[in-house]
Amino acid sequence: MTAKFMLYFVVTMIVIWAMQSVNINSLFKKNCNPLQARIMYFLMGLSMIYLITNFILDVVSSVKIL
């Protein structure tokens, strides 16, 4: 459980760092509510964290099986 938590922490830091390079203003409509844009940006970050962490865990478990 500790390794999984640490992996989530590391991936979270990497995703936050990587998402800073995205120009969020160009992703959304001109007259979009700023709260909607922030929530969408937050949900995209959570999705990326979840998917990347589970991908790494699946790869590690697959390598252990082989």
PDB file of N, CA and C in Angstrom:
ATOM      1  N   MET A   1       0.822  -1.200   0.000  1.00  0.00           N
ATOM      2  CA  MET A   1       0.000   0.000   0.000  1.00  0.00           C
ATOM      3  C   MET A   1       0.859   1.253   0.000  1.00  0.00           C
ATOM      4  N   THR A   2       1.984   1.220   0.664  1.00  0.00           N
ATOM      5  CA  THR A   2       2.857   2.381   0.728  1.00  0.00           C
ATOM      6  C   THR A   2       3.455   2.686  -0.637  1.00  0.00           C
ATOM      7  N   ALA A   3       3.834   1.658  -1.372  1.00  0.00           N
ATOM      8  CA  ALA A   3       4.415   1.877  -2.691  1.00  0.00           C
ATOM      9  C   ALA A   3       3.386   2.494  -3.633  1.00  0.00           C
ATOM     10  N   LYS A   4       2.145   2.065  -3.514  1.00  0.00           N
ATOM     11  CA  LYS A   4       1.092   2.618  -4.361  1.00  0.00           C
ATOM     12  C   LYS A   4       0.856   4.092  -4.030  1.00  0.00           C
ATOM     13  N   PHE A   5       0.855   4.418  -2.754  1.00  0.00           N
ATOM     14  CA  PHE A   5       0.693   5.817  -2.344  1.00  0.00           C
ATOM     15  C   PHE A   5       1.842   6.674  -2.858  1.00  0.00           C
ATOM     16  N   MET A   6       3.061   6.162  -2.735  1.00  0.00           N
ATOM     17  CA  MET A   6       4.223   6.911  -3.221  1.00  0.00           C
ATOM     18  C   MET A   6       4.166   7.099  -4.729  1.00  0.00           C
ATOM     19  N   LEU A   7       3.710   6.074  -5.442  1.00  0.00           N
ATOM     20  CA  LEU A   7       3.578   6.189  -6.888  1.00  0.00           C
ATOM     21  C   LEU A   7       2.538   7.243  -7.249  1.00  0.00           C
ATOM     22  N   TYR A   8       1.407   7.251  -6.541  1.00  0.00           N
ATOM     23  CA  TYR A   8       0.403   8.284  -6.771  1.00  0.00           C
ATOM     24  C   TYR A   8       0.984   9.677  -6.526  1.00  0.00           C
ATOM     25  N   PHE A   9       1.766   9.824  -5.480  1.00  0.00           N
ATOM     26  CA  PHE A   9       2.370  11.112  -5.154  1.00  0.00           C
ATOM     27  C   PHE A   9       3.322  11.568  -6.252  1.00  0.00           C
ATOM     28  N   VAL A  10       4.188  10.664  -6.703  1.00  0.00           N
ATOM     29  CA  VAL A  10       5.156  11.012  -7.751  1.00  0.00           C
ATOM     30  C   VAL A  10       4.442  11.356  -9.054  1.00  0.00           C
ATOM     31  N   VAL A  11       3.472  10.547  -9.426  1.00  0.00           N
ATOM     32  CA  VAL A  11       2.737  10.804 -10.668  1.00  0.00           C
ATOM     33  C   VAL A  11       1.958  12.109 -10.564  1.00  0.00           C
ATOM     34  N   THR A  12       1.413  12.415  -9.392  1.00  0.00           N
ATOM     35  CA  THR A  12       0.697  13.676  -9.206  1.00  0.00           C
ATOM     36  C   THR A  12       1.628  14.857  -9.442  1.00  0.00           C
ATOM     37  N   MET A  13       2.828  14.808  -8.906  1.00  0.00           N
ATOM     38  CA  MET A  13       3.786  15.894  -9.111  1.00  0.00           C
ATOM     39  C   MET A  13       4.161  16.034 -10.590  1.00  0.00           C
ATOM     40  N   ILE A  14       4.335  14.919 -11.276  1.00  0.00           N
ATOM     41  CA  ILE A  14       4.689  14.959 -12.689  1.00  0.00           C
ATOM     42  C   ILE A  14       3.540  15.512 -13.517  1.00  0.00           C
ATOM     43  N   VAL A  15       2.316  15.101 -13.220  1.00  0.00           N
ATOM     44  CA  VAL A  15       1.150  15.586 -13.966  1.00  0.00           C
ATOM     45  C   VAL A  15       0.942  17.080 -13.742  1.00  0.00           C
ATOM     46  N   ILE A  16       1.089  17.542 -12.501  1.00  0.00           N
ATOM     47  CA  ILE A  16       0.964  18.976 -12.241  1.00  0.00           C
ATOM     48  C   ILE A  16       2.016  19.754 -13.011  1.00  0.00           C
ATOM     49  N   TRP A  17       3.240  19.271 -12.999  1.00  0.00           N
ATOM     50  CA  TRP A  17       4.325  19.922 -13.735  1.00  0.00           C
ATOM     51  C   TRP A  17       4.043  19.941 -15.233  1.00  0.00           C
ATOM     52  N   ALA A  18       3.545  18.827 -15.765  1.00  0.00           N
ATOM     53  CA  ALA A  18       3.280  18.733 -17.204  1.00  0.00           C
ATOM     54  C   ALA A  18       2.083  19.586 -17.616  1.00  0.00           C
ATOM     55  N   MET A  19       1.071  19.663 -16.765  1.00  0.00           N
ATOM     56  CA  MET A  19      -0.125  20.435 -17.126  1.00  0.00           C
ATOM     57  C   MET A  19       0.121  21.938 -17.078  1.00  0.00           C
ATOM     58  N   GLN A  20       1.177  22.372 -16.430  1.00  0.00           N
ATOM     59  CA  GLN A  20       1.512  23.788 -16.418  1.00  0.00           C
ATOM     60  C   GLN A  20       1.938  24.281 -17.796  1.00  0.00           C
ATOM     61  N   SER A  21       2.343  23.373 -18.655  1.00  0.00           N
ATOM     62  CA  SER A  21       2.778  23.770 -19.993  1.00  0.00           C
ATOM     63  C   SER A  21       1.613  23.944 -20.964  1.00  0.00           C
ATOM     64  N   VAL A  22       0.405  23.565 -20.551  1.00  0.00           N
ATOM     65  CA  VAL A  22      -0.766  23.650 -21.422  1.00  0.00           C
ATOM     66  C   VAL A  22      -1.377  25.042 -21.311  1.00  0.00           C
ATOM     67  N   ASN A  23      -1.640  25.658 -22.462  1.00  0.00           N
ATOM     68  CA  ASN A  23      -2.330  26.944 -22.483  1.00  0.00           C
ATOM     69  C   ASN A  23      -3.816  26.672 -22.343  1.00  0.00           C
ATOM     70  N   ILE A  24      -4.313  26.805 -21.131  1.00  0.00           N
ATOM     71  CA  ILE A  24      -5.696  26.452 -20.834  1.00  0.00           C
ATOM     72  C   ILE A  24      -6.676  27.360 -21.574  1.00  0.00           C
ATOM     73  N   ASN A  25      -6.280  28.590 -21.873  1.00  0.00           N
ATOM     74  CA  ASN A  25      -7.182  29.532 -22.530  1.00  0.00           C
ATOM     75  C   ASN A  25      -7.530  29.097 -23.947  1.00  0.00           C
ATOM     76  N   SER A  26      -6.628  28.393 -24.590  1.00  0.00           N
ATOM     77  CA  SER A  26      -6.902  27.967 -25.968  1.00  0.00           C
ATOM     78  C   SER A  26      -7.747  26.699 -26.025  1.00  0.00           C
ATOM     79  N   LEU A  27      -7.938  26.019 -24.894  1.00  0.00           N
ATOM     80  CA  LEU A  27      -8.701  24.770 -24.882  1.00  0.00           C
ATOM     81  C   LEU A  27     -10.209  24.986 -24.807  1.00  0.00           C
ATOM     82  N   PHE A  28     -10.624  26.114 -24.255  1.00  0.00           N
ATOM     83  CA  PHE A  28     -12.033  26.325 -23.978  1.00  0.00           C
ATOM     84  C   PHE A  28     -12.615  27.440 -24.834  1.00  0.00           C
ATOM     85  N   LYS A  29     -13.927  27.506 -24.879  1.00  0.00           N
ATOM     86  CA  LYS A  29     -14.625  28.525 -25.656  1.00  0.00           C
ATOM     87  C   LYS A  29     -14.322  29.913 -25.102  1.00  0.00           C
ATOM     88  N   LYS A  30     -14.564  30.928 -25.936  1.00  0.00           N
ATOM     89  CA  LYS A  30     -14.290  32.309 -25.538  1.00  0.00           C
ATOM     90  C   LYS A  30     -15.155  32.753 -24.364  1.00  0.00           C
ATOM     91  N   ASN A  31     -16.438  32.472 -24.401  1.00  0.00           N
ATOM     92  CA  ASN A  31     -17.355  32.947 -23.366  1.00  0.00           C
ATOM     93  C   ASN A  31     -17.653  31.884 -22.315  1.00  0.00           C
ATOM     94  N   CYS A  32     -16.689  31.033 -22.054  1.00  0.00           N
ATOM     95  CA  CYS A  32     -16.878  29.944 -21.102  1.00  0.00           C
ATOM     96  C   CYS A  32     -16.778  30.478 -19.667  1.00  0.00           C
ATOM     97  N   ASN A  33     -17.579  29.916 -18.799  1.00  0.00           N
ATOM     98  CA  ASN A  33     -17.527  30.252 -17.378  1.00  0.00           C
ATOM     99  C   ASN A  33     -16.173  29.792 -16.820  1.00  0.00           C
ATOM    100  N   PRO A  34     -15.423  30.667 -16.158  1.00  0.00           N
ATOM    101  CA  PRO A  34     -14.105  30.273 -15.638  1.00  0.00           C
ATOM    102  C   PRO A  34     -14.163  29.100 -14.655  1.00  0.00           C
ATOM    103  N   LEU A  35     -15.240  29.011 -13.892  1.00  0.00           N
ATOM    104  CA  LEU A  35     -15.379  27.901 -12.949  1.00  0.00           C
ATOM    105  C   LEU A  35     -15.484  26.574 -13.700  1.00  0.00           C
ATOM    106  N   GLN A  36     -16.224  26.563 -14.791  1.00  0.00           N
ATOM    107  CA  GLN A  36     -16.339  25.343 -15.595  1.00  0.00           C
ATOM    108  C   GLN A  36     -14.979  24.940 -16.147  1.00  0.00           C
ATOM    109  N   ALA A  37     -14.208  25.905 -16.610  1.00  0.00           N
ATOM    110  CA  ALA A  37     -12.889  25.609 -17.163  1.00  0.00           C
ATOM    111  C   ALA A  37     -11.962  25.040 -16.083  1.00  0.00           C
ATOM    112  N   ARG A  38     -12.008  25.604 -14.899  1.00  0.00           N
ATOM    113  CA  ARG A  38     -11.158  25.114 -13.810  1.00  0.00           C
ATOM    114  C   ARG A  38     -11.543  23.704 -13.393  1.00  0.00           C
ATOM    115  N   ILE A  39     -12.838  23.454 -13.319  1.00  0.00           N
ATOM    116  CA  ILE A  39     -13.301  22.115 -12.942  1.00  0.00           C
ATOM    117  C   ILE A  39     -12.891  21.099 -14.004  1.00  0.00           C
ATOM    118  N   MET A  40     -13.030  21.460 -15.270  1.00  0.00           N
ATOM    119  CA  MET A  40     -12.635  20.552 -16.350  1.00  0.00           C
ATOM    120  C   MET A  40     -11.131  20.287 -16.308  1.00  0.00           C
ATOM    121  N   TYR A  41     -10.343  21.312 -16.078  1.00  0.00           N
ATOM    122  CA  TYR A  41      -8.891  21.181 -15.972  1.00  0.00           C
ATOM    123  C   TYR A  41      -8.519  20.267 -14.801  1.00  0.00           C
ATOM    124  N   PHE A  42      -9.210  20.438 -13.666  1.00  0.00           N
ATOM    125  CA  PHE A  42      -8.985  19.608 -12.483  1.00  0.00           C
ATOM    126  C   PHE A  42      -9.339  18.151 -12.763  1.00  0.00           C
ATOM    127  N   LEU A  43     -10.479  17.923 -13.417  1.00  0.00           N
ATOM    128  CA  LEU A  43     -10.896  16.556 -13.728  1.00  0.00           C
ATOM    129  C   LEU A  43      -9.959  15.892 -14.733  1.00  0.00           C
ATOM    130  N   MET A  44      -9.451  16.658 -15.683  1.00  0.00           N
ATOM    131  CA  MET A  44      -8.467  16.100 -16.622  1.00  0.00           C
ATOM    132  C   MET A  44      -7.200  15.685 -15.878  1.00  0.00           C
ATOM    133  N   GLY A  45      -6.788  16.492 -14.918  1.00  0.00           N
ATOM    134  CA  GLY A  45      -5.609  16.146 -14.120  1.00  0.00           C
ATOM    135  C   GLY A  45      -5.818  14.888 -13.305  1.00  0.00           C
ATOM    136  N   LEU A  46      -6.976  14.793 -12.652  1.00  0.00           N
ATOM    137  CA  LEU A  46      -7.280  13.584 -11.869  1.00  0.00           C
ATOM    138  C   LEU A  46      -7.313  12.347 -12.759  1.00  0.00           C
ATOM    139  N   SER A  47      -7.899  12.488 -13.929  1.00  0.00           N
ATOM    140  CA  SER A  47      -7.969  11.356 -14.858  1.00  0.00           C
ATOM    141  C   SER A  47      -6.580  10.917 -15.291  1.00  0.00           C
ATOM    142  N   MET A  48      -5.730  11.880 -15.593  1.00  0.00           N
ATOM    143  CA  MET A  48      -4.367  11.540 -16.008  1.00  0.00           C
ATOM    144  C   MET A  48      -3.602  10.855 -14.878  1.00  0.00           C
ATOM    145  N   ILE A  49      -3.748  11.355 -13.663  1.00  0.00           N
ATOM    146  CA  ILE A  49      -3.069  10.751 -12.515  1.00  0.00           C
ATOM    147  C   ILE A  49      -3.515   9.300 -12.336  1.00  0.00           C
ATOM    148  N   TYR A  50      -4.818   9.079 -12.380  1.00  0.00           N
ATOM    149  CA  TYR A  50      -5.366   7.731 -12.204  1.00  0.00           C
ATOM    150  C   TYR A  50      -4.890   6.792 -13.308  1.00  0.00           C
ATOM    151  N   LEU A  51      -4.991   7.233 -14.550  1.00  0.00           N
ATOM    152  CA  LEU A  51      -4.632   6.365 -15.678  1.00  0.00           C
ATOM    153  C   LEU A  51      -3.141   6.040 -15.706  1.00  0.00           C
ATOM    154  N   ILE A  52      -2.297   7.024 -15.472  1.00  0.00           N
ATOM    155  CA  ILE A  52      -0.850   6.797 -15.511  1.00  0.00           C
ATOM    156  C   ILE A  52      -0.421   5.883 -14.367  1.00  0.00           C
ATOM    157  N   THR A  53      -0.939   6.123 -13.173  1.00  0.00           N
ATOM    158  CA  THR A  53      -0.575   5.285 -12.027  1.00  0.00           C
ATOM    159  C   THR A  53      -1.009   3.841 -12.242  1.00  0.00           C
ATOM    160  N   ASN A  54      -2.232   3.641 -12.692  1.00  0.00           N
ATOM    161  CA  ASN A  54      -2.701   2.269 -12.914  1.00  0.00           C
ATOM    162  C   ASN A  54      -1.969   1.603 -14.069  1.00  0.00           C
ATOM    163  N   PHE A  55      -1.575   2.354 -15.072  1.00  0.00           N
ATOM    164  CA  PHE A  55      -0.778   1.782 -16.155  1.00  0.00           C
ATOM    165  C   PHE A  55       0.556   1.277 -15.614  1.00  0.00           C
ATOM    166  N   ILE A  56       1.223   2.088 -14.817  1.00  0.00           N
ATOM    167  CA  ILE A  56       2.512   1.677 -14.252  1.00  0.00           C
ATOM    168  C   ILE A  56       2.346   0.457 -13.355  1.00  0.00           C
ATOM    169  N   LEU A  57       1.310   0.453 -12.520  1.00  0.00           N
ATOM    170  CA  LEU A  57       1.075  -0.699 -11.647  1.00  0.00           C
ATOM    171  C   LEU A  57       0.769  -1.958 -12.455  1.00  0.00           C
ATOM    172  N   ASP A  58       0.003  -1.837 -13.529  1.00  0.00           N
ATOM    173  CA  ASP A  58      -0.293  -2.996 -14.376  1.00  0.00           C
ATOM    174  C   ASP A  58       0.956  -3.517 -15.071  1.00  0.00           C
ATOM    175  N   VAL A  59       1.801  -2.626 -15.539  1.00  0.00           N
ATOM    176  CA  VAL A  59       3.045  -3.053 -16.196  1.00  0.00           C
ATOM    177  C   VAL A  59       3.938  -3.786 -15.195  1.00  0.00           C
ATOM    178  N   VAL A  60       4.051  -3.242 -14.004  1.00  0.00           N
ATOM    179  CA  VAL A  60       4.886  -3.884 -12.990  1.00  0.00           C
ATOM    180  C   VAL A  60       4.335  -5.259 -12.616  1.00  0.00           C
ATOM    181  N   SER A  61       3.038  -5.371 -12.441  1.00  0.00           N
ATOM    182  CA  SER A  61       2.451  -6.678 -12.094  1.00  0.00           C
ATOM    183  C   SER A  61       2.571  -7.656 -13.261  1.00  0.00           C
ATOM    184  N   SER A  62       2.490  -7.192 -14.487  1.00  0.00           N
ATOM    185  CA  SER A  62       2.648  -8.081 -15.650  1.00  0.00           C
ATOM    186  C   SER A  62       4.084  -8.591 -15.752  1.00  0.00           C
ATOM    187  N   VAL A  63       5.031  -7.747 -15.451  1.00  0.00           N
ATOM    188  CA  VAL A  63       6.428  -8.164 -15.501  1.00  0.00           C
ATOM    189  C   VAL A  63       6.703  -9.194 -14.413  1.00  0.00           C
ATOM    190  N   LYS A  64       6.087  -9.037 -13.255  1.00  0.00           N
ATOM    191  CA  LYS A  64       6.265 -10.021 -12.180  1.00  0.00           C
ATOM    192  C   LYS A  64       5.712 -11.380 -12.555  1.00  0.00           C
ATOM    193  N   ILE A  65       4.620 -11.394 -13.319  1.00  0.00           N
ATOM    194  CA  ILE A  65       4.012 -12.659 -13.742  1.00  0.00           C
ATOM    195  C   ILE A  65       4.927 -13.389 -14.729  1.00  0.00           C
ATOM    196  N   LEU A  66       5.563 -12.647 -15.624  1.00  0.00           N
ATOM    197  CA  LEU A  66       6.439 -13.269 -16.602  1.00  0.00           C
ATOM    198  C   LEU A  66       7.679 -13.766 -15.913  1.00  0.00           C
TER     199      LEU A  66
END
